[in-house]
């Protein structure tokens, strides 16, 4: 029973850490866009942080919707079903950019602007790539998915990463030269 509670707690801790890492990554990427793309505007750092939170929420909803639609695409057995599901995947991917633009405009008005469709598309792609890179570099999900396993330990030498030592010189009591 305690083991199940520990497992649930570690999953929650991992999810919280993952969300915080995502927010840091989103904030950095968003501020780089603010700095280098004239169409992307945020009046203050606080607004860019809040925009990152909004982007995190919206993109999570979009990813859930996309996952469901892709599941329908894979489950479709007829050609018509595949075409319809493919159009739905495209509609979710295309429409999500407008959802992001409208959500930011609704919440922040003129104080935050993400430019137009192409700058938002570039922003979203960059956010998702940066998120994947952070996970690979050691984020909570990256560590869980890691395939690296330490070698089976035979003894102390199997666990050590030292280089093998040269044979030792015999001591006096072992018949060596005095």
N, C-alpha and C. Protein backbone atom coordinates (compact mmCIF):
# COMPACT_ATOMS: atom_id res chain seq x y z
N UNK A 1 0.82 -1.19 0.00
CA UNK A 1 0.00 0.00 0.00
C UNK A 1 0.87 1.26 0.00
N UNK A 2 1.88 1.26 0.86
CA UNK A 2 2.79 2.41 0.92
C UNK A 2 3.57 2.53 -0.38
N UNK A 3 3.86 1.40 -1.01
CA UNK A 3 4.61 1.41 -2.27
C UNK A 3 3.78 2.08 -3.38
N UNK A 4 2.46 1.82 -3.41
CA UNK A 4 1.59 2.46 -4.39
C UNK A 4 1.53 3.97 -4.17
N UNK A 5 1.46 4.38 -2.89
CA UNK A 5 1.42 5.81 -2.58
C UNK A 5 2.72 6.48 -3.02
N UNK A 6 3.86 5.80 -2.79
CA UNK A 6 5.15 6.36 -3.22
C UNK A 6 5.20 6.50 -4.73
N UNK A 7 4.67 5.50 -5.45
CA UNK A 7 4.68 5.54 -6.91
C UNK A 7 3.81 6.69 -7.41
N UNK A 8 2.61 6.86 -6.84
CA UNK A 8 1.74 7.96 -7.24
C UNK A 8 2.37 9.31 -6.92
N UNK A 9 3.00 9.40 -5.75
CA UNK A 9 3.63 10.65 -5.35
C UNK A 9 4.79 10.98 -6.29
N UNK A 10 5.59 9.99 -6.67
CA UNK A 10 6.71 10.26 -7.57
C UNK A 10 6.20 10.66 -8.95
N UNK A 11 5.05 10.10 -9.40
CA UNK A 11 4.48 10.50 -10.68
C UNK A 11 4.01 11.95 -10.61
N UNK A 12 3.38 12.33 -9.51
CA UNK A 12 2.91 13.71 -9.34
C UNK A 12 4.10 14.65 -9.27
N UNK A 13 5.12 14.28 -8.50
CA UNK A 13 6.32 15.11 -8.42
C UNK A 13 6.95 15.26 -9.80
N UNK A 14 7.03 14.18 -10.57
CA UNK A 14 7.58 14.24 -11.91
C UNK A 14 6.76 15.13 -12.82
N UNK A 15 5.44 15.07 -12.69
CA UNK A 15 4.57 15.91 -13.51
C UNK A 15 4.74 17.38 -13.16
N UNK A 16 4.86 17.68 -11.88
CA UNK A 16 5.04 19.07 -11.44
C UNK A 16 6.39 19.60 -11.92
N UNK A 17 7.42 18.81 -11.75
CA UNK A 17 8.75 19.22 -12.20
C UNK A 17 8.75 19.40 -13.72
N UNK A 18 8.09 18.49 -14.43
CA UNK A 18 8.01 18.61 -15.88
C UNK A 18 7.29 19.88 -16.31
N UNK A 19 6.21 20.23 -15.61
CA UNK A 19 5.47 21.44 -15.95
C UNK A 19 6.31 22.69 -15.68
N UNK A 20 7.06 22.69 -14.58
CA UNK A 20 7.91 23.84 -14.26
C UNK A 20 9.03 23.97 -15.30
N UNK A 21 9.62 22.86 -15.69
CA UNK A 21 10.67 22.89 -16.72
C UNK A 21 10.07 23.41 -18.03
N UNK A 22 8.88 22.93 -18.38
CA UNK A 22 8.22 23.43 -19.59
C UNK A 22 8.01 24.94 -19.53
N UNK A 23 7.57 25.43 -18.38
CA UNK A 23 7.35 26.88 -18.25
C UNK A 23 8.65 27.66 -18.39
N UNK A 24 9.72 27.15 -17.82
CA UNK A 24 11.01 27.82 -17.99
C UNK A 24 11.42 27.83 -19.46
N UNK A 25 11.30 26.69 -20.11
CA UNK A 25 11.67 26.60 -21.53
C UNK A 25 10.80 27.52 -22.36
N UNK A 26 9.49 27.51 -22.13
CA UNK A 26 8.57 28.35 -22.89
C UNK A 26 8.88 29.83 -22.67
N UNK A 27 9.21 30.20 -21.44
CA UNK A 27 9.52 31.60 -21.14
C UNK A 27 10.78 32.04 -21.87
N UNK A 28 11.81 31.20 -21.85
CA UNK A 28 13.05 31.55 -22.55
C UNK A 28 12.81 31.69 -24.05
N UNK A 29 12.14 30.71 -24.63
CA UNK A 29 11.88 30.75 -26.08
C UNK A 29 11.03 31.97 -26.44
N UNK A 30 9.98 32.21 -25.67
CA UNK A 30 9.11 33.35 -25.94
C UNK A 30 9.89 34.66 -25.86
N UNK A 31 10.74 34.82 -24.85
CA UNK A 31 11.51 36.05 -24.73
C UNK A 31 12.55 36.20 -25.84
N UNK A 32 13.08 35.09 -26.34
CA UNK A 32 13.96 35.17 -27.51
C UNK A 32 13.18 35.65 -28.73
N UNK A 33 11.97 35.18 -28.89
CA UNK A 33 11.12 35.66 -29.99
C UNK A 33 10.79 37.13 -29.83
N UNK A 34 10.51 37.56 -28.59
CA UNK A 34 10.23 38.97 -28.33
C UNK A 34 11.44 39.82 -28.71
N UNK A 35 12.62 39.32 -28.41
CA UNK A 35 13.84 40.08 -28.68
C UNK A 35 14.18 40.14 -30.16
N UNK A 36 13.97 39.04 -30.90
CA UNK A 36 14.47 38.97 -32.27
C UNK A 36 13.41 39.07 -33.35
N UNK A 37 12.13 38.93 -33.04
CA UNK A 37 11.08 39.10 -34.04
C UNK A 37 10.26 40.34 -33.69
N UNK A 38 10.27 41.34 -34.57
CA UNK A 38 9.59 42.59 -34.25
C UNK A 38 8.08 42.44 -34.04
N UNK A 39 7.47 41.44 -34.65
CA UNK A 39 6.03 41.26 -34.51
C UNK A 39 5.60 40.63 -33.20
N UNK A 40 6.54 40.04 -32.48
CA UNK A 40 6.23 39.39 -31.21
C UNK A 40 6.54 40.38 -30.10
N UNK A 41 5.50 40.73 -29.32
CA UNK A 41 5.63 41.79 -28.33
C UNK A 41 5.11 41.31 -26.98
N UNK A 42 5.85 41.66 -25.94
CA UNK A 42 5.38 41.47 -24.56
C UNK A 42 5.90 42.67 -23.79
N UNK A 43 4.99 43.38 -23.13
CA UNK A 43 5.38 44.61 -22.45
C UNK A 43 6.33 44.38 -21.28
N UNK A 44 6.12 43.29 -20.53
CA UNK A 44 6.96 43.03 -19.35
C UNK A 44 7.33 41.56 -19.27
N UNK A 45 8.31 41.29 -18.44
CA UNK A 45 8.69 39.90 -18.21
C UNK A 45 7.55 39.12 -17.57
N UNK A 46 6.84 39.75 -16.65
CA UNK A 46 5.71 39.09 -15.99
C UNK A 46 4.67 38.68 -17.01
N UNK A 47 4.40 39.54 -17.97
CA UNK A 47 3.44 39.18 -19.01
C UNK A 47 3.95 38.04 -19.87
N UNK A 48 5.25 38.01 -20.14
CA UNK A 48 5.78 36.90 -20.93
C UNK A 48 5.72 35.60 -20.14
N UNK A 49 5.91 35.66 -18.84
CA UNK A 49 5.77 34.47 -18.00
C UNK A 49 4.32 33.99 -17.99
N UNK A 50 3.39 34.90 -17.85
CA UNK A 50 1.97 34.54 -17.88
C UNK A 50 1.56 34.03 -19.27
N UNK A 51 2.15 34.60 -20.31
CA UNK A 51 1.90 34.11 -21.66
C UNK A 51 2.41 32.68 -21.82
N UNK A 52 3.57 32.41 -21.22
CA UNK A 52 4.11 31.04 -21.25
C UNK A 52 3.16 30.06 -20.56
N UNK A 53 2.56 30.48 -19.46
CA UNK A 53 1.58 29.63 -18.76
C UNK A 53 0.38 29.38 -19.68
N UNK A 54 -0.10 30.43 -20.31
CA UNK A 54 -1.23 30.28 -21.22
C UNK A 54 -0.88 29.36 -22.40
N UNK A 55 0.31 29.57 -22.96
CA UNK A 55 0.75 28.71 -24.07
C UNK A 55 0.85 27.25 -23.63
N UNK A 56 1.35 27.03 -22.43
CA UNK A 56 1.45 25.66 -21.89
C UNK A 56 0.06 25.01 -21.83
N UNK A 57 -0.91 25.74 -21.30
CA UNK A 57 -2.27 25.19 -21.17
C UNK A 57 -2.88 24.92 -22.54
N UNK A 58 -2.79 25.91 -23.43
CA UNK A 58 -3.39 25.76 -24.76
C UNK A 58 -2.73 24.63 -25.53
N UNK A 59 -1.40 24.56 -25.49
CA UNK A 59 -0.70 23.52 -26.24
C UNK A 59 -0.96 22.13 -25.66
N UNK A 60 -1.13 22.02 -24.36
CA UNK A 60 -1.48 20.72 -23.78
C UNK A 60 -2.85 20.27 -24.27
N UNK A 61 -3.81 21.19 -24.32
CA UNK A 61 -5.14 20.86 -24.84
C UNK A 61 -5.05 20.45 -26.31
N UNK A 62 -4.27 21.19 -27.09
CA UNK A 62 -4.11 20.87 -28.51
C UNK A 62 -3.45 19.51 -28.68
N UNK A 63 -2.43 19.21 -27.87
CA UNK A 63 -1.75 17.91 -27.98
C UNK A 63 -2.68 16.76 -27.63
N UNK A 64 -3.56 16.95 -26.65
CA UNK A 64 -4.54 15.91 -26.31
C UNK A 64 -5.50 15.71 -27.48
N UNK A 65 -5.99 16.81 -28.05
CA UNK A 65 -6.90 16.71 -29.20
C UNK A 65 -6.21 16.04 -30.38
N UNK A 66 -4.97 16.43 -30.63
CA UNK A 66 -4.22 15.84 -31.75
C UNK A 66 -4.00 14.35 -31.52
N UNK A 67 -3.71 13.96 -30.30
CA UNK A 67 -3.49 12.54 -29.99
C UNK A 67 -4.76 11.73 -30.26
N UNK A 68 -5.90 12.27 -29.88
CA UNK A 68 -7.17 11.58 -30.13
C UNK A 68 -7.44 11.45 -31.63
N UNK A 69 -7.21 12.53 -32.36
CA UNK A 69 -7.46 12.51 -33.81
C UNK A 69 -6.50 11.54 -34.50
N UNK A 70 -5.24 11.53 -34.09
CA UNK A 70 -4.28 10.59 -34.66
C UNK A 70 -4.69 9.16 -34.34
N UNK A 71 -5.23 8.94 -33.13
CA UNK A 71 -5.74 7.62 -32.78
C UNK A 71 -6.87 7.20 -33.70
N UNK A 72 -7.76 8.13 -34.03
CA UNK A 72 -8.84 7.83 -34.99
C UNK A 72 -8.28 7.53 -36.37
N UNK A 73 -7.23 8.27 -36.74
CA UNK A 73 -6.60 8.04 -38.05
C UNK A 73 -6.04 6.63 -38.11
N UNK A 74 -5.35 6.22 -37.08
CA UNK A 74 -4.75 4.87 -37.05
C UNK A 74 -5.82 3.78 -36.98
N UNK A 75 -6.92 4.09 -36.30
CA UNK A 75 -7.99 3.09 -36.16
C UNK A 75 -8.87 2.99 -37.41
N UNK A 76 -8.83 3.99 -38.26
CA UNK A 76 -9.67 3.98 -39.46
C UNK A 76 -9.24 2.84 -40.37
N UNK A 77 -10.21 2.08 -40.83
CA UNK A 77 -9.89 0.93 -41.68
C UNK A 77 -10.20 1.17 -43.15
N UNK A 78 -11.07 2.13 -43.43
CA UNK A 78 -11.42 2.41 -44.82
C UNK A 78 -10.64 3.62 -45.33
N UNK A 79 -10.59 3.71 -46.63
CA UNK A 79 -9.89 4.84 -47.24
C UNK A 79 -10.58 6.15 -46.88
N UNK A 80 -11.90 6.16 -46.89
CA UNK A 80 -12.66 7.36 -46.54
C UNK A 80 -12.39 7.75 -45.09
N UNK A 81 -12.34 6.78 -44.21
CA UNK A 81 -12.05 7.05 -42.81
C UNK A 81 -10.68 7.66 -42.62
N UNK A 82 -9.71 7.14 -43.37
CA UNK A 82 -8.35 7.68 -43.29
C UNK A 82 -8.31 9.11 -43.80
N UNK A 83 -9.01 9.40 -44.88
CA UNK A 83 -9.02 10.75 -45.45
C UNK A 83 -9.67 11.72 -44.47
N UNK A 84 -10.81 11.33 -43.92
CA UNK A 84 -11.51 12.19 -42.96
C UNK A 84 -10.63 12.44 -41.74
N UNK A 85 -10.03 11.39 -41.21
CA UNK A 85 -9.16 11.55 -40.04
C UNK A 85 -7.94 12.39 -40.38
N UNK A 86 -7.40 12.23 -41.59
CA UNK A 86 -6.26 13.05 -42.03
C UNK A 86 -6.62 14.52 -42.10
N UNK A 87 -7.80 14.81 -42.61
CA UNK A 87 -8.28 16.20 -42.67
C UNK A 87 -8.45 16.74 -41.25
N UNK A 88 -8.94 15.90 -40.35
CA UNK A 88 -9.10 16.33 -38.96
C UNK A 88 -7.75 16.64 -38.31
N UNK A 89 -6.73 15.82 -38.58
CA UNK A 89 -5.39 16.08 -38.05
C UNK A 89 -4.89 17.42 -38.57
N UNK A 90 -5.07 17.66 -39.87
CA UNK A 90 -4.64 18.93 -40.46
C UNK A 90 -5.41 20.09 -39.83
N UNK A 91 -6.73 19.92 -39.63
CA UNK A 91 -7.55 20.98 -39.05
C UNK A 91 -7.11 21.32 -37.62
N UNK A 92 -6.78 20.30 -36.84
CA UNK A 92 -6.30 20.55 -35.47
C UNK A 92 -4.96 21.27 -35.51
N UNK A 93 -4.04 20.80 -36.36
CA UNK A 93 -2.72 21.43 -36.45
C UNK A 93 -2.83 22.87 -36.95
N UNK A 94 -3.63 23.09 -37.97
CA UNK A 94 -3.79 24.42 -38.55
C UNK A 94 -4.58 25.34 -37.62
N UNK A 95 -5.68 24.84 -37.10
CA UNK A 95 -6.54 25.65 -36.25
C UNK A 95 -5.93 26.00 -34.91
N UNK A 96 -5.01 25.18 -34.44
CA UNK A 96 -4.39 25.45 -33.13
C UNK A 96 -3.65 26.78 -33.12
N UNK A 97 -3.10 27.17 -34.24
CA UNK A 97 -2.37 28.45 -34.30
C UNK A 97 -3.32 29.62 -34.08
N UNK A 98 -4.51 29.52 -34.68
CA UNK A 98 -5.51 30.57 -34.49
C UNK A 98 -6.04 30.55 -33.06
N UNK A 99 -6.15 29.36 -32.48
CA UNK A 99 -6.56 29.25 -31.09
C UNK A 99 -5.56 29.96 -30.17
N UNK A 100 -4.27 29.76 -30.44
CA UNK A 100 -3.22 30.42 -29.65
C UNK A 100 -3.33 31.94 -29.81
N UNK A 101 -3.45 32.41 -31.05
CA UNK A 101 -3.56 33.85 -31.29
C UNK A 101 -4.77 34.46 -30.58
N UNK A 102 -5.91 33.81 -30.68
CA UNK A 102 -7.13 34.34 -30.07
C UNK A 102 -7.06 34.29 -28.54
N UNK A 103 -6.52 33.21 -27.99
CA UNK A 103 -6.41 33.10 -26.53
C UNK A 103 -5.51 34.20 -25.97
N UNK A 104 -4.37 34.44 -26.62
CA UNK A 104 -3.46 35.49 -26.16
C UNK A 104 -4.12 36.85 -26.29
N UNK A 105 -4.81 37.08 -27.39
CA UNK A 105 -5.49 38.37 -27.58
C UNK A 105 -6.61 38.55 -26.56
N UNK A 106 -7.35 37.51 -26.29
CA UNK A 106 -8.46 37.60 -25.34
C UNK A 106 -7.96 37.88 -23.92
N UNK A 107 -6.88 37.19 -23.51
CA UNK A 107 -6.38 37.32 -22.14
C UNK A 107 -5.55 38.59 -21.95
N UNK A 108 -4.69 38.92 -22.90
CA UNK A 108 -3.73 40.01 -22.69
C UNK A 108 -3.98 41.25 -23.53
N UNK A 109 -4.83 41.16 -24.52
CA UNK A 109 -5.12 42.32 -25.36
C UNK A 109 -3.89 42.81 -26.10
N UNK A 110 -3.68 44.13 -26.11
CA UNK A 110 -2.57 44.72 -26.84
C UNK A 110 -1.23 44.63 -26.11
N UNK A 111 -1.25 44.20 -24.87
CA UNK A 111 0.00 44.14 -24.10
C UNK A 111 0.91 43.00 -24.54
N UNK A 112 0.33 41.98 -25.17
CA UNK A 112 1.11 40.86 -25.71
C UNK A 112 0.63 40.60 -27.12
N UNK A 113 1.57 40.48 -28.04
CA UNK A 113 1.23 40.16 -29.43
C UNK A 113 2.19 39.11 -29.94
N UNK A 114 1.65 38.08 -30.57
CA UNK A 114 2.51 37.01 -31.10
C UNK A 114 2.69 37.10 -32.60
N UNK A 115 2.38 38.25 -33.16
CA UNK A 115 2.53 38.43 -34.59
C UNK A 115 1.37 37.80 -35.32
N UNK A 116 1.66 37.16 -36.42
CA UNK A 116 0.63 36.53 -37.24
C UNK A 116 0.75 35.02 -37.24
N UNK A 117 0.10 34.43 -38.21
CA UNK A 117 0.05 32.98 -38.31
C UNK A 117 1.44 32.35 -38.43
N UNK A 118 2.29 32.92 -39.27
CA UNK A 118 3.60 32.31 -39.51
C UNK A 118 4.52 32.43 -38.30
N UNK A 119 4.49 33.58 -37.63
CA UNK A 119 5.33 33.71 -36.44
C UNK A 119 4.83 32.82 -35.31
N UNK A 120 3.52 32.64 -35.19
CA UNK A 120 2.98 31.74 -34.17
C UNK A 120 3.33 30.29 -34.51
N UNK A 121 3.26 29.94 -35.79
CA UNK A 121 3.63 28.59 -36.21
C UNK A 121 5.09 28.32 -35.86
N UNK A 122 5.96 29.26 -36.19
CA UNK A 122 7.37 29.12 -35.86
C UNK A 122 7.58 29.05 -34.35
N UNK A 123 6.84 29.86 -33.61
CA UNK A 123 6.94 29.85 -32.14
C UNK A 123 6.51 28.51 -31.57
N UNK A 124 5.38 27.99 -32.03
CA UNK A 124 4.87 26.72 -31.50
C UNK A 124 5.83 25.58 -31.84
N UNK A 125 6.32 25.54 -33.06
CA UNK A 125 7.28 24.49 -33.44
C UNK A 125 8.54 24.60 -32.59
N UNK A 126 9.04 25.81 -32.39
CA UNK A 126 10.23 26.02 -31.57
C UNK A 126 9.98 25.63 -30.12
N UNK A 127 8.81 25.96 -29.59
CA UNK A 127 8.47 25.57 -28.22
C UNK A 127 8.46 24.06 -28.06
N UNK A 128 7.86 23.36 -29.00
CA UNK A 128 7.78 21.91 -28.90
C UNK A 128 9.16 21.25 -29.07
N UNK A 129 9.97 21.80 -29.96
CA UNK A 129 11.34 21.27 -30.12
C UNK A 129 12.19 21.53 -28.88
N UNK A 130 12.06 22.73 -28.32
CA UNK A 130 12.83 23.06 -27.11
C UNK A 130 12.38 22.20 -25.93
N UNK A 131 11.09 21.94 -25.85
CA UNK A 131 10.56 21.07 -24.79
C UNK A 131 11.13 19.66 -24.94
N UNK A 132 11.13 19.14 -26.16
CA UNK A 132 11.68 17.80 -26.40
C UNK A 132 13.17 17.76 -26.07
N UNK A 133 13.89 18.81 -26.42
CA UNK A 133 15.32 18.87 -26.12
C UNK A 133 15.56 18.90 -24.61
N UNK A 134 14.75 19.65 -23.89
CA UNK A 134 14.89 19.70 -22.43
C UNK A 134 14.62 18.35 -21.81
N UNK A 135 13.63 17.63 -22.32
CA UNK A 135 13.34 16.29 -21.81
C UNK A 135 14.51 15.35 -22.08
N UNK A 136 15.09 15.44 -23.27
CA UNK A 136 16.22 14.58 -23.61
C UNK A 136 17.45 14.90 -22.77
N UNK A 137 17.62 16.17 -22.44
CA UNK A 137 18.79 16.57 -21.68
C UNK A 137 18.70 16.24 -20.20
N UNK A 138 17.58 15.74 -19.76
CA UNK A 138 17.51 15.33 -18.35
C UNK A 138 16.29 15.80 -17.62
N UNK A 139 15.28 16.27 -18.35
CA UNK A 139 14.04 16.61 -17.69
C UNK A 139 13.41 15.37 -17.11
N UNK A 140 12.37 15.50 -16.33
CA UNK A 140 11.77 14.35 -15.66
C UNK A 140 11.31 13.27 -16.62
N UNK A 141 10.74 13.65 -17.76
CA UNK A 141 10.31 12.64 -18.72
C UNK A 141 11.50 12.02 -19.42
N UNK A 142 12.53 12.82 -19.67
CA UNK A 142 13.72 12.29 -20.31
C UNK A 142 14.42 11.25 -19.47
N UNK A 143 14.43 11.46 -18.17
CA UNK A 143 15.06 10.48 -17.30
C UNK A 143 14.24 9.20 -17.23
N UNK A 144 12.93 9.31 -17.25
CA UNK A 144 12.08 8.12 -17.19
C UNK A 144 12.22 7.30 -18.45
N UNK A 145 12.39 7.97 -19.60
CA UNK A 145 12.46 7.26 -20.86
C UNK A 145 13.88 6.79 -21.19
N UNK A 146 14.81 7.11 -20.34
CA UNK A 146 16.20 6.77 -20.62
C UNK A 146 16.36 5.27 -20.75
N UNK A 147 17.11 4.85 -21.76
CA UNK A 147 17.36 3.42 -21.95
C UNK A 147 18.69 3.02 -21.36
N UNK A 148 19.43 3.95 -20.81
CA UNK A 148 20.73 3.64 -20.23
C UNK A 148 20.55 2.86 -18.94
N UNK A 149 21.20 1.74 -18.86
CA UNK A 149 21.19 0.93 -17.65
C UNK A 149 22.64 0.64 -17.27
N UNK A 150 22.98 0.78 -15.99
CA UNK A 150 24.35 0.47 -15.60
C UNK A 150 24.61 -1.01 -15.77
N UNK A 151 25.87 -1.38 -16.04
CA UNK A 151 26.17 -2.80 -16.22
C UNK A 151 25.95 -3.57 -14.92
N UNK A 152 25.66 -4.84 -15.09
CA UNK A 152 25.45 -5.68 -13.90
C UNK A 152 26.75 -5.73 -13.12
N UNK A 153 26.64 -5.54 -11.83
CA UNK A 153 27.83 -5.48 -10.99
C UNK A 153 28.28 -6.87 -10.62
N UNK A 154 29.52 -7.21 -10.98
CA UNK A 154 30.11 -8.48 -10.60
C UNK A 154 30.88 -8.29 -9.32
N UNK A 155 31.50 -7.19 -9.21
CA UNK A 155 32.28 -6.86 -8.03
C UNK A 155 32.57 -5.38 -8.06
N UNK A 156 33.44 -4.95 -7.19
CA UNK A 156 33.77 -3.53 -7.11
C UNK A 156 34.34 -3.03 -8.43
N UNK A 157 35.20 -3.82 -9.06
CA UNK A 157 35.84 -3.38 -10.31
C UNK A 157 34.83 -3.19 -11.43
N UNK A 158 33.75 -3.97 -11.45
CA UNK A 158 32.74 -3.84 -12.50
C UNK A 158 32.01 -2.51 -12.38
N UNK A 159 31.91 -1.97 -11.18
CA UNK A 159 31.19 -0.71 -11.00
C UNK A 159 32.10 0.49 -11.14
N UNK A 160 33.37 0.32 -11.05
CA UNK A 160 34.30 1.46 -11.10
C UNK A 160 34.61 1.82 -12.54
N UNK A 161 34.90 3.06 -12.76
CA UNK A 161 35.25 3.49 -14.10
C UNK A 161 36.75 3.76 -14.19
N UNK A 162 37.52 3.25 -13.22
CA UNK A 162 38.97 3.46 -13.25
C UNK A 162 39.59 2.64 -14.36
N UNK A 163 40.72 3.12 -14.82
CA UNK A 163 41.46 2.34 -15.80
C UNK A 163 42.20 1.24 -15.05
N UNK A 164 42.42 0.11 -15.70
CA UNK A 164 43.09 -0.99 -15.00
C UNK A 164 44.49 -0.56 -14.57
N UNK A 165 44.87 -1.00 -13.38
CA UNK A 165 46.19 -0.65 -12.86
C UNK A 165 47.23 -1.61 -13.39
N UNK A 166 48.44 -1.09 -13.49
CA UNK A 166 49.57 -1.94 -13.92
C UNK A 166 49.86 -2.93 -12.80
N UNK A 167 50.41 -4.07 -13.15
CA UNK A 167 50.74 -5.05 -12.11
C UNK A 167 51.67 -4.42 -11.08
N UNK A 168 51.40 -4.75 -9.84
CA UNK A 168 52.20 -4.15 -8.77
C UNK A 168 53.57 -4.81 -8.68
N UNK A 169 54.52 -4.06 -8.16
CA UNK A 169 55.87 -4.56 -7.95
C UNK A 169 55.85 -5.45 -6.72
N UNK A 170 56.48 -6.62 -6.78
CA UNK A 170 56.45 -7.51 -5.61
C UNK A 170 57.12 -6.86 -4.40
N UNK A 171 56.57 -7.10 -3.26
CA UNK A 171 57.13 -6.58 -2.02
C UNK A 171 58.29 -7.47 -1.57
N UNK A 172 59.03 -6.95 -0.58
CA UNK A 172 60.18 -7.70 -0.07
C UNK A 172 59.76 -9.07 0.45
N UNK A 173 58.64 -9.08 1.18
CA UNK A 173 58.23 -10.34 1.78
C UNK A 173 57.65 -11.31 0.77
N UNK A 174 57.46 -10.89 -0.49
CA UNK A 174 56.92 -11.78 -1.53
C UNK A 174 58.03 -12.27 -2.43
N UNK A 175 59.26 -12.12 -2.06
CA UNK A 175 60.36 -12.63 -2.86
C UNK A 175 60.93 -11.61 -3.81
N UNK A 176 60.60 -10.34 -3.64
CA UNK A 176 61.13 -9.28 -4.49
C UNK A 176 62.54 -8.91 -4.08
N UNK A 177 63.20 -8.09 -4.84
CA UNK A 177 64.55 -7.62 -4.54
C UNK A 177 64.48 -6.63 -3.39
N UNK A 178 65.40 -6.78 -2.39
CA UNK A 178 65.37 -5.87 -1.23
C UNK A 178 65.79 -4.48 -1.57
